[in-house]
Amino acid sequence: MRRLFIYYRIASADAAAAQPVARAMQDALCARHPGLQAELWRRPQEKDGMQTWMEIYMHAEGVGPVLEGEIAAAAQVLAAWLQGPRHCEVFVPCAW
């Protein structure tokens, strides 16, 4: 089961404007892909007037490359607030 963890920085002053846009983007993705779960997190501390945000995406069937591309395309709505690039990390469960 492949999960995505995407992190980026937002100016603290922009957080109130960017948050509903990020949530709406995630809600729209979940509506188009039944079973997709999305979360929006941030680090509790701020540094130099910036917040680090993380989007988390998971699905019982995994988040494949096609859906990953759709998530990246949908995230363009956040471009005005990004302070640098979005970093995408992919994780899978450990084999026991």
N, C-alpha and C. Protein backbone atom coordinates (compact mmCIF):
# COMPACT_ATOMS: atom_id res chain seq x y z
N MET A 1 0.86 -1.17 0.00
CA MET A 1 0.00 0.00 0.00
C MET A 1 0.90 1.23 0.00
N ARG A 2 0.92 1.94 -1.07
CA ARG A 2 1.78 3.10 -1.28
C ARG A 2 1.08 4.35 -0.78
N ARG A 3 1.75 5.12 0.09
CA ARG A 3 1.20 6.38 0.61
C ARG A 3 2.10 7.54 0.21
N LEU A 4 1.49 8.69 0.04
CA LEU A 4 2.24 9.90 -0.30
C LEU A 4 2.27 10.84 0.88
N PHE A 5 3.43 11.44 1.09
CA PHE A 5 3.63 12.48 2.09
C PHE A 5 4.28 13.65 1.35
N ILE A 6 3.54 14.74 1.23
CA ILE A 6 4.01 15.88 0.44
C ILE A 6 4.13 17.08 1.38
N TYR A 7 5.32 17.62 1.47
CA TYR A 7 5.52 18.75 2.38
C TYR A 7 6.05 19.97 1.64
N TYR A 8 5.75 21.13 2.21
CA TYR A 8 6.13 22.41 1.60
C TYR A 8 5.98 23.50 2.64
N ARG A 9 6.46 24.69 2.29
CA ARG A 9 6.40 25.82 3.21
C ARG A 9 5.41 26.86 2.71
N ILE A 10 4.73 27.45 3.68
CA ILE A 10 3.75 28.52 3.45
C ILE A 10 4.09 29.64 4.43
N ALA A 11 4.04 30.89 3.99
CA ALA A 11 4.23 31.99 4.92
C ALA A 11 3.10 31.97 5.95
N SER A 12 3.45 32.17 7.20
CA SER A 12 2.44 32.16 8.26
C SER A 12 1.32 33.16 7.98
N ALA A 13 1.67 34.29 7.39
CA ALA A 13 0.68 35.32 7.07
C ALA A 13 -0.32 34.85 6.02
N ASP A 14 0.03 33.84 5.23
CA ASP A 14 -0.84 33.33 4.17
C ASP A 14 -1.64 32.10 4.58
N ALA A 15 -1.39 31.58 5.77
CA ALA A 15 -1.98 30.31 6.17
C ALA A 15 -3.51 30.34 6.17
N ALA A 16 -4.09 31.41 6.67
CA ALA A 16 -5.57 31.48 6.75
C ALA A 16 -6.20 31.47 5.37
N ALA A 17 -5.54 32.05 4.39
CA ALA A 17 -6.09 32.05 3.02
C ALA A 17 -5.83 30.73 2.31
N ALA A 18 -4.66 30.13 2.56
CA ALA A 18 -4.29 28.91 1.84
C ALA A 18 -4.99 27.66 2.36
N GLN A 19 -5.27 27.62 3.65
CA GLN A 19 -5.83 26.39 4.24
C GLN A 19 -7.15 25.96 3.61
N PRO A 20 -8.16 26.85 3.45
CA PRO A 20 -9.40 26.36 2.85
C PRO A 20 -9.23 25.93 1.39
N VAL A 21 -8.29 26.53 0.70
CA VAL A 21 -8.02 26.13 -0.69
C VAL A 21 -7.41 24.73 -0.72
N ALA A 22 -6.47 24.48 0.18
CA ALA A 22 -5.85 23.15 0.26
C ALA A 22 -6.88 22.09 0.62
N ARG A 23 -7.73 22.39 1.59
CA ARG A 23 -8.76 21.42 1.98
C ARG A 23 -9.76 21.17 0.85
N ALA A 24 -10.16 22.22 0.16
CA ALA A 24 -11.09 22.06 -0.97
C ALA A 24 -10.46 21.20 -2.07
N MET A 25 -9.17 21.40 -2.32
CA MET A 25 -8.47 20.60 -3.32
C MET A 25 -8.48 19.12 -2.91
N GLN A 26 -8.18 18.86 -1.64
CA GLN A 26 -8.18 17.48 -1.16
C GLN A 26 -9.58 16.87 -1.19
N ASP A 27 -10.58 17.65 -0.81
CA ASP A 27 -11.96 17.15 -0.84
C ASP A 27 -12.38 16.78 -2.26
N ALA A 28 -11.99 17.61 -3.24
CA ALA A 28 -12.34 17.33 -4.63
C ALA A 28 -11.64 16.06 -5.12
N LEU A 29 -10.38 15.87 -4.75
CA LEU A 29 -9.67 14.66 -5.13
C LEU A 29 -10.33 13.42 -4.53
N CYS A 30 -10.72 13.50 -3.26
CA CYS A 30 -11.38 12.38 -2.59
C CYS A 30 -12.74 12.08 -3.22
N ALA A 31 -13.44 13.10 -3.66
CA ALA A 31 -14.74 12.90 -4.31
C ALA A 31 -14.57 12.19 -5.66
N ARG A 32 -13.48 12.50 -6.37
CA ARG A 32 -13.24 11.88 -7.68
C ARG A 32 -12.67 10.47 -7.56
N HIS A 33 -12.09 10.15 -6.40
CA HIS A 33 -11.44 8.85 -6.22
C HIS A 33 -11.98 8.19 -4.95
N PRO A 34 -13.09 7.45 -5.06
CA PRO A 34 -13.67 6.81 -3.88
C PRO A 34 -12.62 5.97 -3.14
N GLY A 35 -12.60 6.12 -1.84
CA GLY A 35 -11.65 5.40 -1.01
C GLY A 35 -10.37 6.16 -0.72
N LEU A 36 -10.12 7.24 -1.47
CA LEU A 36 -8.94 8.05 -1.21
C LEU A 36 -9.15 8.82 0.09
N GLN A 37 -8.15 8.81 0.94
CA GLN A 37 -8.17 9.59 2.18
C GLN A 37 -7.06 10.62 2.10
N ALA A 38 -7.36 11.82 2.56
CA ALA A 38 -6.38 12.90 2.51
C ALA A 38 -6.40 13.65 3.84
N GLU A 39 -5.22 14.01 4.29
CA GLU A 39 -5.09 14.79 5.52
C GLU A 39 -4.18 15.98 5.24
N LEU A 40 -4.38 17.04 6.02
CA LEU A 40 -3.52 18.22 5.93
C LEU A 40 -2.98 18.50 7.33
N TRP A 41 -1.67 18.45 7.47
CA TRP A 41 -1.00 18.65 8.75
C TRP A 41 -0.01 19.80 8.62
N ARG A 42 0.45 20.30 9.77
CA ARG A 42 1.54 21.26 9.77
C ARG A 42 2.39 21.06 11.01
N ARG A 43 3.62 21.50 10.91
CA ARG A 43 4.48 21.45 12.09
C ARG A 43 3.95 22.44 13.11
N PRO A 44 4.05 22.13 14.39
CA PRO A 44 3.50 23.04 15.40
C PRO A 44 4.30 24.34 15.53
N GLN A 45 5.57 24.30 15.22
CA GLN A 45 6.37 25.50 15.35
C GLN A 45 6.49 26.21 13.99
N GLU A 46 6.73 27.50 14.06
CA GLU A 46 7.00 28.29 12.86
C GLU A 46 8.47 28.68 12.89
N LYS A 47 9.03 28.92 11.73
CA LYS A 47 10.43 29.33 11.65
C LYS A 47 10.56 30.41 10.59
N ASP A 48 11.12 31.53 10.98
CA ASP A 48 11.33 32.65 10.05
C ASP A 48 10.04 33.06 9.36
N GLY A 49 8.93 33.06 10.10
CA GLY A 49 7.65 33.46 9.53
C GLY A 49 7.04 32.45 8.58
N MET A 50 7.51 31.21 8.64
CA MET A 50 7.02 30.16 7.74
C MET A 50 6.46 28.99 8.53
N GLN A 51 5.50 28.32 7.91
CA GLN A 51 4.96 27.07 8.42
C GLN A 51 5.31 25.97 7.43
N THR A 52 5.57 24.77 7.94
CA THR A 52 5.75 23.61 7.08
C THR A 52 4.47 22.80 7.13
N TRP A 53 3.88 22.60 5.97
CA TRP A 53 2.64 21.83 5.84
C TRP A 53 2.94 20.48 5.22
N MET A 54 2.08 19.51 5.51
CA MET A 54 2.19 18.19 4.91
C MET A 54 0.82 17.69 4.50
N GLU A 55 0.73 17.27 3.24
CA GLU A 55 -0.46 16.58 2.75
C GLU A 55 -0.15 15.09 2.79
N ILE A 56 -1.10 14.31 3.27
CA ILE A 56 -0.94 12.87 3.34
C ILE A 56 -2.07 12.24 2.53
N TYR A 57 -1.72 11.32 1.65
CA TYR A 57 -2.71 10.64 0.81
C TYR A 57 -2.55 9.14 0.97
N MET A 58 -3.69 8.46 1.20
CA MET A 58 -3.67 7.01 1.33
C MET A 58 -4.94 6.41 0.71
N HIS A 59 -4.81 5.20 0.26
CA HIS A 59 -5.92 4.47 -0.36
C HIS A 59 -5.66 2.99 -0.11
N ALA A 60 -6.71 2.22 0.09
CA ALA A 60 -6.57 0.78 0.36
C ALA A 60 -5.80 0.08 -0.76
N GLU A 61 -5.93 0.58 -1.99
CA GLU A 61 -5.22 -0.01 -3.13
C GLU A 61 -3.87 0.66 -3.38
N GLY A 62 -3.53 1.62 -2.55
CA GLY A 62 -2.29 2.36 -2.73
C GLY A 62 -2.52 3.58 -3.61
N VAL A 63 -1.60 4.50 -3.55
CA VAL A 63 -1.65 5.70 -4.38
C VAL A 63 -0.61 5.51 -5.48
N GLY A 64 -1.08 5.17 -6.68
CA GLY A 64 -0.19 4.89 -7.80
C GLY A 64 0.29 6.16 -8.49
N PRO A 65 1.18 5.97 -9.45
CA PRO A 65 1.76 7.11 -10.15
C PRO A 65 0.75 7.99 -10.89
N VAL A 66 -0.30 7.39 -11.43
CA VAL A 66 -1.31 8.19 -12.14
C VAL A 66 -2.01 9.13 -11.17
N LEU A 67 -2.45 8.60 -10.03
CA LEU A 67 -3.10 9.43 -9.03
C LEU A 67 -2.12 10.45 -8.46
N GLU A 68 -0.88 10.04 -8.28
CA GLU A 68 0.14 10.98 -7.80
C GLU A 68 0.26 12.18 -8.75
N GLY A 69 0.22 11.91 -10.04
CA GLY A 69 0.26 13.00 -11.03
C GLY A 69 -0.95 13.90 -10.95
N GLU A 70 -2.12 13.30 -10.71
CA GLU A 70 -3.33 14.10 -10.58
C GLU A 70 -3.28 14.98 -9.34
N ILE A 71 -2.73 14.45 -8.26
CA ILE A 71 -2.57 15.24 -7.03
C ILE A 71 -1.64 16.43 -7.29
N ALA A 72 -0.54 16.19 -7.98
CA ALA A 72 0.40 17.27 -8.29
C ALA A 72 -0.27 18.33 -9.15
N ALA A 73 -1.06 17.91 -10.13
CA ALA A 73 -1.75 18.88 -10.99
C ALA A 73 -2.77 19.68 -10.20
N ALA A 74 -3.52 19.01 -9.34
CA ALA A 74 -4.54 19.71 -8.54
C ALA A 74 -3.90 20.73 -7.60
N ALA A 75 -2.69 20.44 -7.14
CA ALA A 75 -2.01 21.32 -6.18
C ALA A 75 -1.57 22.64 -6.79
N GLN A 76 -1.71 22.79 -8.08
CA GLN A 76 -1.36 24.08 -8.70
C GLN A 76 -2.18 25.23 -8.13
N VAL A 77 -3.33 24.92 -7.54
CA VAL A 77 -4.14 25.98 -6.92
C VAL A 77 -3.43 26.61 -5.73
N LEU A 78 -2.40 25.96 -5.22
CA LEU A 78 -1.65 26.48 -4.07
C LEU A 78 -0.40 27.27 -4.49
N ALA A 79 -0.11 27.32 -5.76
CA ALA A 79 1.15 27.89 -6.25
C ALA A 79 1.42 29.30 -5.73
N ALA A 80 0.40 30.12 -5.61
CA ALA A 80 0.60 31.51 -5.18
C ALA A 80 1.13 31.60 -3.75
N TRP A 81 0.91 30.58 -2.94
CA TRP A 81 1.31 30.62 -1.53
C TRP A 81 2.59 29.84 -1.23
N LEU A 82 3.04 29.03 -2.14
CA LEU A 82 4.20 28.18 -1.87
C LEU A 82 5.47 29.01 -1.75
N GLN A 83 6.25 28.69 -0.75
CA GLN A 83 7.55 29.32 -0.54
C GLN A 83 8.61 28.26 -0.85
N GLY A 84 8.73 27.93 -2.10
CA GLY A 84 9.64 26.87 -2.54
C GLY A 84 8.85 25.70 -3.09
N PRO A 85 9.55 24.63 -3.45
CA PRO A 85 8.88 23.49 -4.09
C PRO A 85 8.13 22.60 -3.10
N ARG A 86 7.20 21.83 -3.65
CA ARG A 86 6.54 20.75 -2.91
C ARG A 86 7.46 19.53 -3.01
N HIS A 87 7.66 18.85 -1.89
CA HIS A 87 8.51 17.67 -1.85
C HIS A 87 7.63 16.45 -1.61
N CYS A 88 7.67 15.50 -2.52
CA CYS A 88 6.84 14.31 -2.41
C CYS A 88 7.69 13.12 -1.98
N GLU A 89 7.27 12.48 -0.90
CA GLU A 89 7.92 11.27 -0.41
C GLU A 89 6.90 10.13 -0.49
N VAL A 90 7.36 8.98 -0.91
CA VAL A 90 6.52 7.79 -1.03
C VAL A 90 6.99 6.77 0.01
N PHE A 91 6.02 6.22 0.75
CA PHE A 91 6.33 5.18 1.74
C PHE A 91 5.42 3.99 1.51
N VAL A 92 5.94 2.82 1.82
CA VAL A 92 5.18 1.57 1.77
C VAL A 92 5.37 0.87 3.12
N PRO A 93 4.46 -0.05 3.49
CA PRO A 93 4.61 -0.75 4.75
C PRO A 93 5.88 -1.61 4.79
N CYS A 94 6.41 -1.78 5.95
CA CYS A 94 7.53 -2.70 6.14
C CYS A 94 7.03 -4.13 6.02
N ALA A 95 7.83 -4.99 5.43
CA ALA A 95 7.46 -6.41 5.34
C ALA A 95 7.85 -7.07 6.65
N TRP A 96 6.94 -7.79 7.26
CA TRP A 96 7.22 -8.47 8.54
C TRP A 96 7.32 -9.95 8.32
